[in-house]
């Protein structure tokens, strides 16, 4: 079963600097986390009145155990510690087992 990490970044004070740092520094760090099977990012668009996150990142792992091991690794700690270097708009992280209910 896939276990997913969802990271939602708030609007940064300098979007161009955020984008550059995120792509050039943070993504390479995150890609080194052991157990990551898929990583996707996208700029969210609001559907209603509430503002959407500036950027959403999704990292998939094979299981909750693989997720825990990956985040506890030196590479996971480096990626987590790096967030404060660029996420001036804050970041919200959550994780969950993915359940396919599409039918």
Protein backbone atom coordinates (compact mmCIF):
# COMPACT_ATOMS: atom_id res chain seq x y z
CA UNK A 1 0.00 0.00 0.00
CA UNK A 2 1.31 3.46 -0.85
CA UNK A 3 2.03 5.85 1.98
CA UNK A 4 2.00 9.52 0.98
CA UNK A 5 3.66 12.65 2.34
CA UNK A 6 1.80 15.82 1.37
CA UNK A 7 3.62 19.15 1.76
CA UNK A 8 1.73 22.41 1.21
CA UNK A 9 3.82 25.58 1.00
CA UNK A 10 2.30 28.98 1.73
CA UNK A 11 2.94 31.97 -0.53
CA UNK A 12 6.61 32.95 -0.15
CA UNK A 13 7.77 36.53 0.27
CA UNK A 14 9.84 36.19 -2.94
CA UNK A 15 8.24 33.63 -5.29
CA UNK A 16 11.10 33.71 -7.82
CA UNK A 17 13.70 33.01 -5.12
CA UNK A 18 11.50 30.24 -3.69
CA UNK A 19 11.09 28.59 -7.09
CA UNK A 20 14.80 28.74 -7.85
CA UNK A 21 15.87 27.38 -4.45
CA UNK A 22 13.17 24.72 -4.43
CA UNK A 23 14.14 23.34 -7.86
CA UNK A 24 17.92 23.72 -7.56
CA UNK A 25 18.50 22.79 -3.91
CA UNK A 26 15.50 21.25 -2.19
CA UNK A 27 14.27 18.84 -4.86
CA UNK A 28 17.72 17.22 -5.21
CA UNK A 29 17.81 16.78 -1.40
CA UNK A 30 14.31 15.28 -1.29
CA UNK A 31 15.07 12.90 -4.17
CA UNK A 32 17.85 11.37 -2.04
CA UNK A 33 15.44 10.31 0.74
CA UNK A 34 15.55 6.51 0.85
CA UNK A 35 12.28 4.83 -0.06
CA UNK A 36 10.76 7.62 -2.18
CA UNK A 37 9.05 5.87 -5.09
CA UNK A 38 7.47 8.93 -6.69
CA UNK A 39 7.71 12.70 -6.23
CA UNK A 40 5.36 15.22 -7.81
CA UNK A 41 4.95 18.97 -7.39
CA UNK A 42 2.50 21.54 -8.66
CA UNK A 43 1.30 25.10 -8.18
CA UNK A 44 -2.20 24.91 -6.75
CA UNK A 45 -5.16 26.96 -7.94
CA UNK A 46 -7.96 27.95 -5.55
CA UNK A 47 -11.48 26.73 -6.24
CA UNK A 48 -13.24 29.14 -3.92
CA UNK A 49 -12.61 32.09 -1.65
CA UNK A 50 -9.87 30.49 0.44
CA UNK A 51 -6.35 30.90 -0.92
CA UNK A 52 -4.64 27.81 -2.27
CA UNK A 53 -1.14 26.80 -1.19
CA UNK A 54 1.58 28.28 -3.38
CA UNK A 55 3.10 24.87 -4.10
CA UNK A 56 2.07 21.32 -3.26
CA UNK A 57 4.55 18.43 -3.15
CA UNK A 58 3.61 14.76 -2.98
CA UNK A 59 6.16 12.09 -2.07
CA UNK A 60 5.11 8.46 -2.19
CA UNK A 61 6.64 5.55 -0.27
CA UNK A 62 5.87 1.82 -0.49
CA UNK A 63 4.60 1.71 3.11
CA UNK A 64 4.30 3.62 6.36
CA UNK A 65 7.44 1.81 7.54
CA UNK A 66 9.39 2.93 4.46
CA UNK A 67 8.15 6.48 5.05
CA UNK A 68 9.28 6.45 8.69
CA UNK A 69 12.67 4.99 7.79
CA UNK A 70 13.14 7.54 5.00
CA UNK A 71 12.35 10.52 7.19
CA UNK A 72 14.58 9.22 10.00
CA UNK A 73 17.53 8.76 7.62
CA UNK A 74 20.28 11.40 7.36
CA UNK A 75 18.90 12.32 3.92
CA UNK A 76 15.38 12.73 5.31
CA UNK A 77 16.69 14.89 8.15
CA UNK A 78 18.63 17.04 5.67
CA UNK A 79 15.56 17.60 3.50
CA UNK A 80 13.33 18.36 6.50
CA UNK A 81 15.91 20.74 7.94
CA UNK A 82 16.23 22.55 4.63
CA UNK A 83 12.58 23.70 4.59
CA UNK A 84 13.34 26.62 6.92
CA UNK A 85 15.90 27.90 4.39
CA UNK A 86 13.31 28.79 1.73
CA UNK A 87 9.70 28.35 2.92
CA UNK A 88 9.09 31.93 4.03
CA UNK A 89 5.33 31.36 3.66
CA UNK A 90 5.42 28.31 5.92
CA UNK A 91 4.86 24.66 5.15
CA UNK A 92 2.21 22.21 6.31
CA UNK A 93 3.07 18.51 6.18
CA UNK A 94 0.79 15.53 6.57
CA UNK A 95 1.04 11.84 5.70
CA UNK A 96 -1.41 9.02 5.15
CA UNK A 97 -1.99 5.60 3.64
CA UNK A 98 -3.49 6.00 0.18
CA UNK A 99 -6.82 4.26 -0.36
CA UNK A 100 -8.00 3.96 -3.95
CA UNK A 101 -11.75 4.52 -3.98
CA UNK A 102 -12.09 5.11 -7.72
CA UNK A 103 -13.96 1.89 -8.19
